[in-house]
Amino acid sequence: MQQLSELLELFGALEKIHLLWVITFHIYYSKKGNVVHFRLILFIFLLAQSLHAKPIIYFILSNDCPICHNLMNDIKSNNNLKALLTNEYQVKIIDTMQNDVPNFLPFEGTVPAIFITNNDKFIGDSLKGYIPSNELMRYLTEVKNYINENDQRTYYAF
């Protein structure tokens, strides 16, 4: 049970489940006991989830690529970069030996490659080849600052 809890927390599932419960509770009781349609609850949950969505960073790697291994080892050894990736980004690692690269990524075949998206829009330049972890840290911090400064989402208070 402890491992499941840690795994759910790692993926932010507990926060999402809690958010869904709070929304359901408030909708249900705001209607004074009327049953609220499940689709409305799901829509509100997905809307709330998108307001808190993290930018997605895609690492396109190949298991037989020594440069890819060097990049990932460099990232693993940089605790500040690991913390930034964990707290500020949703990380997706795609191994070209095992998985197809999603069609929406402008991948041209060079590994390693890094792409960042936020709200289905590409942010910054795609990065290709080996990037030292300190330069990657600086770049990702600048991208996150840009996203925060140009946040166009609308927040509603009830």
C-alpha atoms as a PDB file:
ATOM      1  CA  MET A   1       0.000   0.000   0.000  1.00  0.00           C
ATOM      2  CA  GLN A   2       2.884   2.359   0.793  1.00  0.00           C
ATOM      3  CA  GLN A   3       4.373   1.795  -2.678  1.00  0.00           C
ATOM      4  CA  LEU A   4       1.028   2.493  -4.350  1.00  0.00           C
ATOM      5  CA  SER A   5       0.651   5.694  -2.354  1.00  0.00           C
ATOM      6  CA  GLU A   6       4.150   6.815  -3.357  1.00  0.00           C
ATOM      7  CA  LEU A   7       3.465   5.974  -6.997  1.00  0.00           C
ATOM      8  CA  LEU A   8       0.171   7.880  -7.019  1.00  0.00           C
ATOM      9  CA  GLU A   9       1.805  10.858  -5.360  1.00  0.00           C
ATOM     10  CA  LEU A  10       4.621  10.771  -7.884  1.00  0.00           C
ATOM     11  CA  PHE A  11       2.148  11.166 -10.732  1.00  0.00           C
ATOM     12  CA  GLY A  12       0.046  13.728  -8.895  1.00  0.00           C
ATOM     13  CA  ALA A  13      -2.936  11.384  -8.832  1.00  0.00           C
ATOM     14  CA  LEU A  14      -3.778  12.041  -5.190  1.00  0.00           C
ATOM     15  CA  GLU A  15      -4.043  15.765  -5.850  1.00  0.00           C
ATOM     16  CA  LYS A  16      -6.277  15.136  -8.873  1.00  0.00           C
ATOM     17  CA  ILE A  17      -8.507  12.704  -6.963  1.00  0.00           C
ATOM     18  CA  HIS A  18      -8.814  15.200  -4.115  1.00  0.00           C
ATOM     19  CA  LEU A  19      -9.660  18.004  -6.550  1.00  0.00           C
ATOM     20  CA  LEU A  20     -12.323  15.859  -8.216  1.00  0.00           C
ATOM     21  CA  TRP A  21     -13.823  15.010  -4.812  1.00  0.00           C
ATOM     22  CA  VAL A  22     -13.941  18.672  -3.723  1.00  0.00           C
ATOM     23  CA  ILE A  23     -15.574  19.749  -6.988  1.00  0.00           C
ATOM     24  CA  THR A  24     -18.109  16.925  -6.810  1.00  0.00           C
ATOM     25  CA  PHE A  25     -18.933  17.744  -3.190  1.00  0.00           C
ATOM     26  CA  HIS A  26     -19.484  21.443  -3.905  1.00  0.00           C
ATOM     27  CA  ILE A  27     -21.576  20.856  -7.021  1.00  0.00           C
ATOM     28  CA  TYR A  28     -23.716  18.220  -5.347  1.00  0.00           C
ATOM     29  CA  TYR A  29     -24.493  20.321  -2.291  1.00  0.00           C
ATOM     30  CA  SER A  30     -24.877  23.565  -4.218  1.00  0.00           C
ATOM     31  CA  LYS A  31     -27.776  21.918  -6.044  1.00  0.00           C
ATOM     32  CA  LYS A  32     -29.364  21.011  -2.682  1.00  0.00           C
ATOM     33  CA  GLY A  33     -29.202  17.311  -3.180  1.00  0.00           C
ATOM     34  CA  ASN A  34     -30.027  17.115  -6.883  1.00  0.00           C
ATOM     35  CA  VAL A  35     -27.973  14.577  -8.761  1.00  0.00           C
ATOM     36  CA  VAL A  36     -25.445  16.282 -11.005  1.00  0.00           C
ATOM     37  CA  HIS A  37     -24.717  14.690 -14.323  1.00  0.00           C
ATOM     38  CA  PHE A  38     -21.373  12.877 -14.403  1.00  0.00           C
ATOM     39  CA  ARG A  39     -20.294  14.632 -17.617  1.00  0.00           C
ATOM     40  CA  LEU A  40     -20.552  18.027 -15.957  1.00  0.00           C
ATOM     41  CA  ILE A  41     -18.398  16.851 -13.068  1.00  0.00           C
ATOM     42  CA  LEU A  42     -15.848  15.363 -15.464  1.00  0.00           C
ATOM     43  CA  PHE A  43     -15.783  18.544 -17.571  1.00  0.00           C
ATOM     44  CA  ILE A  44     -15.146  20.721 -14.519  1.00  0.00           C
ATOM     45  CA  PHE A  45     -12.456  18.340 -13.291  1.00  0.00           C
ATOM     46  CA  LEU A  46     -10.658  18.425 -16.640  1.00  0.00           C
ATOM     47  CA  LEU A  47     -10.957  22.211 -16.786  1.00  0.00           C
ATOM     48  CA  ALA A  48      -9.508  22.564 -13.294  1.00  0.00           C
ATOM     49  CA  GLN A  49      -6.767  20.097 -14.160  1.00  0.00           C
ATOM     50  CA  SER A  50      -5.785  22.101 -17.247  1.00  0.00           C
ATOM     51  CA  LEU A  51      -5.474  25.260 -15.149  1.00  0.00           C
ATOM     52  CA  HIS A  52      -2.761  23.562 -13.106  1.00  0.00           C
ATOM     53  CA  ALA A  53      -1.093  21.708 -15.972  1.00  0.00           C
ATOM     54  CA  LYS A  54       2.672  21.726 -16.061  1.00  0.00           C
ATOM     55  CA  PRO A  55       4.608  22.223 -19.276  1.00  0.00           C
ATOM     56  CA  ILE A  56       5.573  18.903 -20.848  1.00  0.00           C
ATOM     57  CA  ILE A  57       9.191  18.216 -21.713  1.00  0.00           C
ATOM     58  CA  TYR A  58       9.838  15.395 -24.163  1.00  0.00           C
ATOM     59  CA  PHE A  59      13.220  13.677 -24.147  1.00  0.00           C
ATOM     60  CA  ILE A  60      13.613  11.697 -27.391  1.00  0.00           C
ATOM     61  CA  LEU A  61      16.400   9.191 -26.828  1.00  0.00           C
ATOM     62  CA  SER A  62      17.744   5.932 -28.183  1.00  0.00           C
ATOM     63  CA  ASN A  63      18.933   3.109 -25.961  1.00  0.00           C
ATOM     64  CA  ASP A  64      21.892   2.407 -28.247  1.00  0.00           C
ATOM     65  CA  CYS A  65      23.065   6.039 -28.266  1.00  0.00           C
ATOM     66  CA  PRO A  66      26.060   6.778 -25.978  1.00  0.00           C
ATOM     67  CA  ILE A  67      25.394  10.534 -26.165  1.00  0.00           C
ATOM     68  CA  CYS A  68      21.842   9.920 -24.880  1.00  0.00           C
ATOM     69  CA  HIS A  69      23.230   7.916 -21.959  1.00  0.00           C
ATOM     70  CA  ASN A  70      25.720  10.690 -21.194  1.00  0.00           C
ATOM     71  CA  LEU A  71      22.916  13.287 -21.238  1.00  0.00           C
ATOM     72  CA  MET A  72      20.694  11.280 -18.893  1.00  0.00           C
ATOM     73  CA  ASN A  73      23.585  10.500 -16.521  1.00  0.00           C
ATOM     74  CA  ASP A  74      24.483  14.196 -16.445  1.00  0.00           C
ATOM     75  CA  ILE A  75      20.860  15.086 -15.634  1.00  0.00           C
ATOM     76  CA  LYS A  76      20.714  12.426 -12.899  1.00  0.00           C
ATOM     77  CA  SER A  77      23.851  13.817 -11.276  1.00  0.00           C
ATOM     78  CA  ASN A  78      22.509  17.408 -11.139  1.00  0.00           C
ATOM     79  CA  ASN A  79      20.163  17.565  -8.121  1.00  0.00           C
ATOM     80  CA  ASN A  80      18.965  21.097  -8.912  1.00  0.00           C
ATOM     81  CA  LEU A  81      17.986  20.080 -12.430  1.00  0.00           C
ATOM     82  CA  LYS A  82      16.230  16.949 -11.169  1.00  0.00           C
ATOM     83  CA  ALA A  83      14.258  19.075  -8.684  1.00  0.00           C
ATOM     84  CA  LEU A  84      13.310  21.574 -11.410  1.00  0.00           C
ATOM     85  CA  LEU A  85      12.135  18.802 -13.726  1.00  0.00           C
ATOM     86  CA  THR A  86      10.179  17.094 -10.956  1.00  0.00           C
ATOM     87  CA  ASN A  87       8.485  20.227  -9.617  1.00  0.00           C
ATOM     88  CA  GLU A  88       7.954  22.374 -12.700  1.00  0.00           C
ATOM     89  CA  TYR A  89       7.646  20.013 -15.664  1.00  0.00           C
ATOM     90  CA  GLN A  90       5.867  16.852 -16.677  1.00  0.00           C
ATOM     91  CA  VAL A  91       8.638  14.667 -18.085  1.00  0.00           C
ATOM     92  CA  LYS A  92       8.081  12.209 -20.936  1.00  0.00           C
ATOM     93  CA  ILE A  93      10.953  10.022 -22.070  1.00  0.00           C
ATOM     94  CA  ILE A  94      10.564   8.347 -25.442  1.00  0.00           C
ATOM     95  CA  ASP A  95      13.015   5.627 -26.468  1.00  0.00           C
ATOM     96  CA  THR A  96      13.071   5.411 -30.257  1.00  0.00           C
ATOM     97  CA  MET A  97      14.139   1.758 -30.024  1.00  0.00           C
ATOM     98  CA  GLN A  98      10.908   0.781 -28.239  1.00  0.00           C
ATOM     99  CA  ASN A  99       8.346   3.474 -29.055  1.00  0.00           C
ATOM    100  CA  ASP A 100       7.299   5.521 -32.009  1.00  0.00           C
ATOM    101  CA  VAL A 101       7.762   9.247 -31.633  1.00  0.00           C
ATOM    102  CA  PRO A 102       4.364  11.002 -31.551  1.00  0.00           C
ATOM    103  CA  ASN A 103       3.485  12.574 -34.900  1.00  0.00           C
ATOM    104  CA  PHE A 104       2.928  16.060 -33.472  1.00  0.00           C
ATOM    105  CA  LEU A 105       6.585  16.363 -32.437  1.00  0.00           C
ATOM    106  CA  PRO A 106       8.807  17.810 -35.185  1.00  0.00           C
ATOM    107  CA  PHE A 107      11.361  15.035 -34.699  1.00  0.00           C
ATOM    108  CA  GLU A 108      13.856  14.756 -37.551  1.00  0.00           C
ATOM    109  CA  GLY A 109      15.771  11.683 -36.391  1.00  0.00           C
ATOM    110  CA  THR A 110      18.615  13.250 -34.385  1.00  0.00           C
ATOM    111  CA  VAL A 111      18.898  11.908 -30.836  1.00  0.00           C
ATOM    112  CA  PRO A 112      18.951  13.131 -28.199  1.00  0.00           C
ATOM    113  CA  ALA A 113      16.260  15.720 -28.873  1.00  0.00           C
ATOM    114  CA  ILE A 114      14.257  17.785 -26.379  1.00  0.00           C
ATOM    115  CA  PHE A 115      10.901  19.467 -27.001  1.00  0.00           C
ATOM    116  CA  ILE A 116       8.819  21.547 -24.596  1.00  0.00           C
ATOM    117  CA  THR A 117       5.081  22.116 -24.939  1.00  0.00           C
ATOM    118  CA  ASN A 118       2.656  24.118 -22.847  1.00  0.00           C
ATOM    119  CA  ASN A 119      -1.089  24.004 -23.521  1.00  0.00           C
ATOM    120  CA  ASP A 120      -0.374  22.186 -26.805  1.00  0.00           C
ATOM    121  CA  LYS A 121       1.976  24.919 -28.059  1.00  0.00           C
ATOM    122  CA  PHE A 122       5.706  24.534 -28.524  1.00  0.00           C
ATOM    123  CA  ILE A 123       7.798  26.718 -26.231  1.00  0.00           C
ATOM    124  CA  GLY A 124      11.352  27.673 -27.088  1.00  0.00           C
ATOM    125  CA  ASP A 125      13.558  25.905 -29.575  1.00  0.00           C
ATOM    126  CA  SER A 126      13.951  22.181 -29.931  1.00  0.00           C
ATOM    127  CA  LEU A 127      17.267  21.094 -28.490  1.00  0.00           C
ATOM    128  CA  LYS A 128      19.345  18.514 -30.317  1.00  0.00           C
ATOM    129  CA  GLY A 129      22.456  16.681 -29.254  1.00  0.00           C
ATOM    130  CA  TYR A 130      24.231  16.687 -25.921  1.00  0.00           C
ATOM    131  CA  ILE A 131      23.563  19.669 -23.658  1.00  0.00           C
ATOM    132  CA  PRO A 132      25.464  19.985 -20.370  1.00  0.00           C
ATOM    133  CA  SER A 133      23.118  19.845 -17.378  1.00  0.00           C
ATOM    134  CA  ASN A 134      24.015  23.355 -16.160  1.00  0.00           C
ATOM    135  CA  GLU A 135      23.094  24.841 -19.575  1.00  0.00           C
ATOM    136  CA  LEU A 136      19.902  22.776 -19.688  1.00  0.00           C
ATOM    137  CA  MET A 137      19.047  24.000 -16.182  1.00  0.00           C
ATOM    138  CA  ARG A 138      19.520  27.626 -17.231  1.00  0.00           C
ATOM    139  CA  TYR A 139      17.455  27.118 -20.399  1.00  0.00           C
ATOM    140  CA  LEU A 140      14.577  25.369 -18.575  1.00  0.00           C
ATOM    141  CA  THR A 141      14.518  28.084 -15.904  1.00  0.00           C
ATOM    142  CA  GLU A 142      14.235  30.742 -18.630  1.00  0.00           C
ATOM    143  CA  VAL A 143      11.446  28.777 -20.337  1.00  0.00           C
ATOM    144  CA  LYS A 144       9.528  28.455 -17.063  1.00  0.00           C
ATOM    145  CA  ASN A 145       9.940  32.199 -16.380  1.00  0.00           C
ATOM    146  CA  TYR A 146       8.681  32.969 -19.897  1.00  0.00           C
ATOM    147  CA  ILE A 147       5.639  30.762 -19.347  1.00  0.00           C
ATOM    148  CA  ASN A 148       4.880  32.395 -15.999  1.00  0.00           C
ATOM    149  CA  GLU A 149       5.214  35.918 -17.455  1.00  0.00           C
ATOM    150  CA  ASN A 150       3.013  35.126 -20.458  1.00  0.00           C
ATOM    151  CA  ASP A 151       0.335  33.156 -18.649  1.00  0.00           C
ATOM    152  CA  GLN A 152      -2.897  33.946 -20.492  1.00  0.00           C
ATOM    153  CA  ARG A 153      -5.186  31.664 -18.508  1.00  0.00           C
ATOM    154  CA  THR A 154      -8.278  33.117 -16.893  1.00  0.00           C
ATOM    155  CA  TYR A 155      -9.009  32.330 -13.269  1.00  0.00           C
ATOM    156  CA  TYR A 156     -12.482  32.527 -11.804  1.00  0.00           C
ATOM    157  CA  ALA A 157     -13.323  33.063  -8.140  1.00  0.00           C
ATOM    158  CA  PHE A 158     -16.657  31.881  -6.828  1.00  0.00           C
END
